[in-house]
């Protein structure tokens, strides 16, 4: 094969599956190749958090041969892919556009080049270690800031490093409280509050925090740590895309010159505006 011949999808998937082995995904998850032919050529790879209709349209407009997403398209069983449903229309757009779809979800959460490591990096953490073991895999990360800082300053700095959303960050805790030890888990993470307490974290950065688990956690802490930062599901995972892009290109080695990579500019966070926000609540 000449040096300028396109890579096959199979060759790209070999790299992705070394970075994010499918066997490390949690038992309920659905990862791997969703659409595409392993022997098809790949000249352009598009990276996104969600395989939405807008993201697929963006990939097609850019001439992408492979769409790599974090979230699955078909996590739960479907009996039809007719275009009368959004999922069916998405599958059709992928197939008609000859765009392969590959998903790295919970296997990307636990990986060394994964979502949680990228979020820990965005928080500026040192001496990072796993937060918990789930199905014998290292889920989440915990580490230390170079120096203690007020909770508000930490949250403001993190907001500046994450992609902007309409909702921003929600914070539970006194703005002036000093924080240094930080636990992180990209995406939904209120099922790991016990692990956060066991790690003696001052603050926990995750997303999709529900009313009752948060209220109970704040009651149990009697106003002290761990404080909580809900960074938003999409924003807390979007920071992984640049790291995944670098890791893919590094894994391809010299063959990376034969592949273009693009990170999606579509904000798939579902919220569009906020009204009536009030910070006067009791921490």
Protein backbone atom coordinates (compact mmCIF):
# COMPACT_ATOMS: atom_id res chain seq x y z
CA UNK A 1 0.00 0.00 0.00
CA UNK A 2 1.37 3.44 -0.95
CA UNK A 3 2.03 6.03 1.73
CA UNK A 4 -0.77 8.24 0.41
CA UNK A 5 -3.40 5.49 0.25
CA UNK A 6 -6.29 6.05 2.67
CA UNK A 7 -6.43 4.05 5.86
CA UNK A 8 -9.21 1.54 6.26
CA UNK A 9 -11.76 1.85 9.02
CA UNK A 10 -10.37 -1.39 10.43
CA UNK A 11 -6.93 0.22 10.87
CA UNK A 12 -8.41 3.20 12.69
CA UNK A 13 -10.56 0.96 14.89
CA UNK A 14 -7.47 -1.05 15.85
CA UNK A 15 -6.05 2.12 17.39
CA UNK A 16 -9.30 3.16 19.05
CA UNK A 17 -9.76 -0.26 20.60
CA UNK A 18 -6.24 -0.19 22.02
CA UNK A 19 -6.99 3.20 23.57
CA UNK A 20 -10.50 2.28 24.71
CA UNK A 21 -10.82 -1.51 24.88
CA UNK A 22 -14.49 -2.49 24.48
CA UNK A 23 -14.07 -5.11 27.22
CA UNK A 24 -13.52 -2.33 29.77
CA UNK A 25 -17.01 -0.90 29.22
CA UNK A 26 -19.55 -1.49 31.96
CA UNK A 27 -21.81 -4.50 31.53
CA UNK A 28 -24.92 -2.45 30.68
CA UNK A 29 -23.18 -0.35 28.04
CA UNK A 30 -23.23 -0.60 24.23
CA UNK A 31 -19.97 0.47 22.63
CA UNK A 32 -18.11 -0.21 19.40
CA UNK A 33 -18.97 0.03 15.71
CA UNK A 34 -22.61 1.01 15.07
CA UNK A 35 -22.56 1.68 11.32
CA UNK A 36 -19.90 1.25 8.68
CA UNK A 37 -17.80 -1.32 6.84
CA UNK A 38 -14.43 -2.19 8.40
CA UNK A 39 -12.91 -2.19 4.91
CA UNK A 40 -14.14 1.27 3.90
CA UNK A 41 -11.53 4.04 3.50
CA UNK A 42 -11.18 6.67 6.21
CA UNK A 43 -9.75 10.06 5.30
CA UNK A 44 -11.58 12.24 7.85
CA UNK A 45 -12.60 11.53 11.43
CA UNK A 46 -15.12 13.71 13.26
CA UNK A 47 -15.31 13.68 17.09
CA UNK A 48 -18.36 14.60 19.18
CA UNK A 49 -20.04 13.83 22.49
CA UNK A 50 -23.47 12.97 21.06
CA UNK A 51 -24.52 11.39 17.74
CA UNK A 52 -27.38 13.82 17.14
CA UNK A 53 -28.91 14.69 13.79
CA UNK A 54 -27.07 18.03 13.80
CA UNK A 55 -23.74 16.36 14.56
CA UNK A 56 -24.23 13.80 11.79
CA UNK A 57 -25.12 16.61 9.36
CA UNK A 58 -21.96 18.45 10.42
CA UNK A 59 -19.89 15.29 9.87
CA UNK A 60 -21.41 14.78 6.41
CA UNK A 61 -20.83 18.44 5.47
CA UNK A 62 -17.16 18.05 6.40
CA UNK A 63 -16.86 14.87 4.36
CA UNK A 64 -16.15 12.70 7.39
CA UNK A 65 -15.86 8.95 6.89
CA UNK A 66 -15.94 8.16 10.62
CA UNK A 67 -17.85 9.79 13.46
CA UNK A 68 -16.42 8.98 16.89
CA UNK A 69 -18.81 9.79 19.73
CA UNK A 70 -18.82 9.30 23.46
CA UNK A 71 -22.52 8.59 23.89
CA UNK A 72 -24.18 5.60 22.23
CA UNK A 73 -26.86 6.06 19.61
CA UNK A 74 -28.57 2.72 20.31
CA UNK A 75 -28.06 2.13 24.04
CA UNK A 76 -31.48 0.52 24.38
CA UNK A 77 -33.07 -1.87 21.94
CA UNK A 78 -35.13 -0.51 19.07
CA UNK A 79 -37.42 -2.41 16.71
CA UNK A 80 -37.33 0.10 13.85
CA UNK A 81 -34.90 2.50 12.22
CA UNK A 82 -37.51 4.17 10.03
CA UNK A 83 -36.94 7.88 9.55
CA UNK A 84 -40.16 8.58 11.47
CA UNK A 85 -38.03 8.52 14.64
CA UNK A 86 -34.96 10.64 15.39
CA UNK A 87 -32.80 7.56 15.91
CA UNK A 88 -34.01 6.04 12.67
CA UNK A 89 -33.34 9.27 10.80
CA UNK A 90 -29.85 9.40 12.33
CA UNK A 91 -29.05 5.83 11.26
CA UNK A 92 -30.34 6.60 7.76
CA UNK A 93 -28.23 9.77 7.52
CA UNK A 94 -25.15 7.84 8.58
CA UNK A 95 -25.72 5.00 6.12
CA UNK A 96 -26.75 7.21 3.19
CA UNK A 97 -23.79 9.50 3.88
CA UNK A 98 -21.42 6.54 4.14
CA UNK A 99 -20.34 7.69 7.60
CA UNK A 100 -19.25 5.02 10.05
CA UNK A 101 -20.23 5.57 13.68
CA UNK A 102 -18.04 4.30 16.51
CA UNK A 103 -18.88 4.71 20.21
CA UNK A 104 -16.44 4.82 23.14
CA UNK A 105 -18.55 5.38 26.26
CA UNK A 106 -17.80 3.90 29.69
CA UNK A 107 -14.65 2.34 28.23
CA UNK A 108 -13.54 5.94 27.54
CA UNK A 109 -14.53 6.99 31.06
CA UNK A 110 -12.04 4.60 32.65
CA UNK A 111 -9.18 4.90 30.13
CA UNK A 112 -5.83 6.58 30.69
CA UNK A 113 -6.68 8.89 27.77
CA UNK A 114 -10.27 9.11 28.91
CA UNK A 115 -13.00 11.45 30.03
CA UNK A 116 -12.21 11.51 33.75
CA UNK A 117 -8.52 12.18 33.17
CA UNK A 118 -9.42 15.03 30.81
CA UNK A 119 -11.79 16.53 33.41
CA UNK A 120 -9.13 16.22 36.13
CA UNK A 121 -6.73 18.05 33.81
CA UNK A 122 -9.32 20.81 33.27
CA UNK A 123 -9.55 21.17 37.06
CA UNK A 124 -5.76 21.55 37.29
CA UNK A 125 -5.22 18.52 39.53
CA UNK A 126 -1.92 16.91 40.53
CA UNK A 127 -1.23 13.43 41.91
CA UNK A 128 -4.37 12.02 40.33
CA UNK A 129 -5.62 8.55 41.27
CA UNK A 130 -8.83 6.57 40.72
CA UNK A 131 -11.85 7.65 42.72
CA UNK A 132 -13.57 4.25 42.80
CA UNK A 133 -13.54 0.80 41.28
CA UNK A 134 -16.74 -0.13 39.45
CA UNK A 135 -16.85 -3.59 37.88
CA UNK A 136 -13.10 -3.73 38.62
CA UNK A 137 -12.45 -0.60 36.53
CA UNK A 138 -11.08 2.75 37.81
CA UNK A 139 -14.02 5.12 37.57
CA UNK A 140 -13.55 8.82 38.31
CA UNK A 141 -10.39 10.51 39.52
CA UNK A 142 -9.30 12.38 42.64
CA UNK A 143 -6.30 14.65 43.07
CA UNK A 144 -5.04 17.90 44.54
CA UNK A 145 -4.87 21.49 43.39
CA UNK A 146 -1.40 23.06 43.60
CA UNK A 147 -2.74 25.24 46.44
CA UNK A 148 -5.99 25.69 48.31
CA UNK A 149 -8.40 28.28 46.95
CA UNK A 150 -11.93 29.50 47.67
CA UNK A 151 -14.72 27.37 46.25
CA UNK A 152 -16.03 30.27 44.15
CA UNK A 153 -12.59 30.91 42.61
CA UNK A 154 -12.22 27.22 41.82
CA UNK A 155 -15.65 27.08 40.16
CA UNK A 156 -15.02 30.27 38.19
CA UNK A 157 -11.67 28.95 36.95
CA UNK A 158 -13.22 25.65 35.93
CA UNK A 159 -16.06 27.42 34.12
CA UNK A 160 -13.47 29.32 32.10
CA UNK A 161 -11.82 26.07 31.00
CA UNK A 162 -14.99 24.17 30.14
CA UNK A 163 -17.10 24.88 27.05
CA UNK A 164 -19.78 27.46 27.78
CA UNK A 165 -23.40 26.38 28.22
CA UNK A 166 -26.61 28.25 28.90
CA UNK A 167 -26.86 26.83 32.43
CA UNK A 168 -23.21 27.13 33.46
CA UNK A 169 -22.06 25.48 36.69
CA UNK A 170 -24.26 24.83 39.72
CA UNK A 171 -22.38 24.91 43.03
CA UNK A 172 -23.42 23.71 46.49
CA UNK A 173 -21.27 25.09 49.29
CA UNK A 174 -20.05 28.34 50.86
CA UNK A 175 -18.33 30.50 48.21
CA UNK A 176 -15.47 31.32 50.57
CA UNK A 177 -14.79 27.71 51.67
CA UNK A 178 -11.21 26.58 51.02
CA UNK A 179 -10.84 23.62 48.67
CA UNK A 180 -7.81 21.68 47.55
CA UNK A 181 -8.60 17.98 47.18
CA UNK A 182 -10.93 17.49 44.20
CA UNK A 183 -12.84 14.44 42.95
CA UNK A 184 -14.17 14.32 39.39
CA UNK A 185 -16.44 12.12 37.31
CA UNK A 186 -17.54 13.21 33.87
CA UNK A 187 -21.25 12.80 33.20
CA UNK A 188 -23.79 11.61 35.77
CA UNK A 189 -22.06 10.93 39.10
CA UNK A 190 -24.32 11.26 42.13
CA UNK A 191 -24.06 7.50 42.71
CA UNK A 192 -20.41 7.96 43.78
CA UNK A 193 -20.93 10.31 46.72
CA UNK A 194 -19.82 7.66 49.20
CA UNK A 195 -16.55 7.25 47.30
CA UNK A 196 -16.08 11.02 47.31
CA UNK A 197 -16.45 11.11 51.09
CA UNK A 198 -14.09 8.15 51.49
CA UNK A 199 -11.49 9.99 49.36
CA UNK A 200 -11.81 13.00 51.70
CA UNK A 201 -12.38 15.32 48.75
CA UNK A 202 -13.16 18.96 49.50
CA UNK A 203 -15.21 19.29 46.31
CA UNK A 204 -16.75 16.92 43.78
CA UNK A 205 -17.09 17.90 40.12
CA UNK A 206 -19.60 15.86 38.14
CA UNK A 207 -23.00 16.35 36.45
CA UNK A 208 -26.70 15.49 36.52
CA UNK A 209 -26.85 15.94 40.29
CA UNK A 210 -30.36 15.21 41.54
CA UNK A 211 -32.18 17.06 44.30
CA UNK A 212 -32.46 14.32 46.92
CA UNK A 213 -28.91 12.88 46.75
CA UNK A 214 -27.46 16.41 46.85
CA UNK A 215 -29.69 17.55 49.70
CA UNK A 216 -28.84 14.45 51.70
CA UNK A 217 -25.12 14.87 50.99
CA UNK A 218 -25.18 18.48 52.18
CA UNK A 219 -27.14 17.49 55.29
CA UNK A 220 -24.68 14.71 56.10
CA UNK A 221 -21.75 17.10 55.71
CA UNK A 222 -23.37 19.57 58.14
CA UNK A 223 -22.38 22.40 55.79
CA UNK A 224 -18.80 21.24 55.33
CA UNK A 225 -17.07 19.29 52.58
CA UNK A 226 -17.49 17.70 50.17
CA UNK A 227 -18.93 20.65 48.29
CA UNK A 228 -20.53 19.90 44.96
CA UNK A 229 -20.13 21.30 41.45
CA UNK A 230 -22.55 20.24 38.73
CA UNK A 231 -20.62 21.13 35.58
CA UNK A 232 -23.23 19.81 33.15
CA UNK A 233 -23.18 16.44 31.42
CA UNK A 234 -22.09 17.66 27.98
CA UNK A 235 -19.51 20.19 29.21
CA UNK A 236 -17.88 17.77 31.65
CA UNK A 237 -17.34 15.26 28.84
CA UNK A 238 -16.68 17.56 25.87
CA UNK A 239 -13.20 18.31 27.26
CA UNK A 240 -12.29 14.71 26.39
CA UNK A 241 -12.58 15.26 22.64
CA UNK A 242 -9.29 17.14 22.24
CA UNK A 243 -7.49 14.51 24.30
CA UNK A 244 -9.08 11.70 22.25
CA UNK A 245 -8.06 13.44 19.03
CA UNK A 246 -4.43 13.71 20.18
CA UNK A 247 -4.40 10.10 21.39
CA UNK A 248 -5.83 8.83 18.09
CA UNK A 249 -3.27 10.72 16.03
CA UNK A 250 -0.44 9.53 18.27
CA UNK A 251 -1.70 5.96 18.03
CA UNK A 252 -1.75 6.13 14.25
CA UNK A 253 1.89 7.17 14.22
CA UNK A 254 3.17 8.05 10.77
CA UNK A 255 -0.15 7.07 9.23
CA UNK A 256 -1.77 10.07 10.95
CA UNK A 257 -0.68 12.21 8.00
CA UNK A 258 -3.25 10.34 5.91
CA UNK A 259 -6.17 11.27 8.18
CA UNK A 260 -7.80 14.62 8.95
CA UNK A 261 -9.49 15.02 12.33
CA UNK A 262 -12.13 17.52 13.39
CA UNK A 263 -13.87 18.24 16.72
CA UNK A 264 -17.57 19.04 16.49
CA UNK A 265 -18.63 22.63 17.04
CA UNK A 266 -22.24 21.63 17.73
CA UNK A 267 -23.26 22.26 21.36
CA UNK A 268 -25.41 19.24 22.16
CA UNK A 269 -26.15 20.39 25.70
CA UNK A 270 -29.98 20.40 25.58
CA UNK A 271 -30.57 23.55 27.67
CA UNK A 272 -30.90 26.84 25.82
CA UNK A 273 -31.62 29.56 28.41
CA UNK A 274 -32.19 30.21 32.12
CA UNK A 275 -34.62 32.58 33.85
CA UNK A 276 -35.03 33.52 37.48
CA UNK A 277 -31.60 32.39 38.69
CA UNK A 278 -30.96 33.45 42.32
CA UNK A 279 -27.76 32.88 44.30
CA UNK A 280 -29.29 33.87 47.65
CA UNK A 281 -30.07 30.30 48.71
CA UNK A 282 -28.49 29.02 51.89
CA UNK A 283 -25.33 26.98 51.13
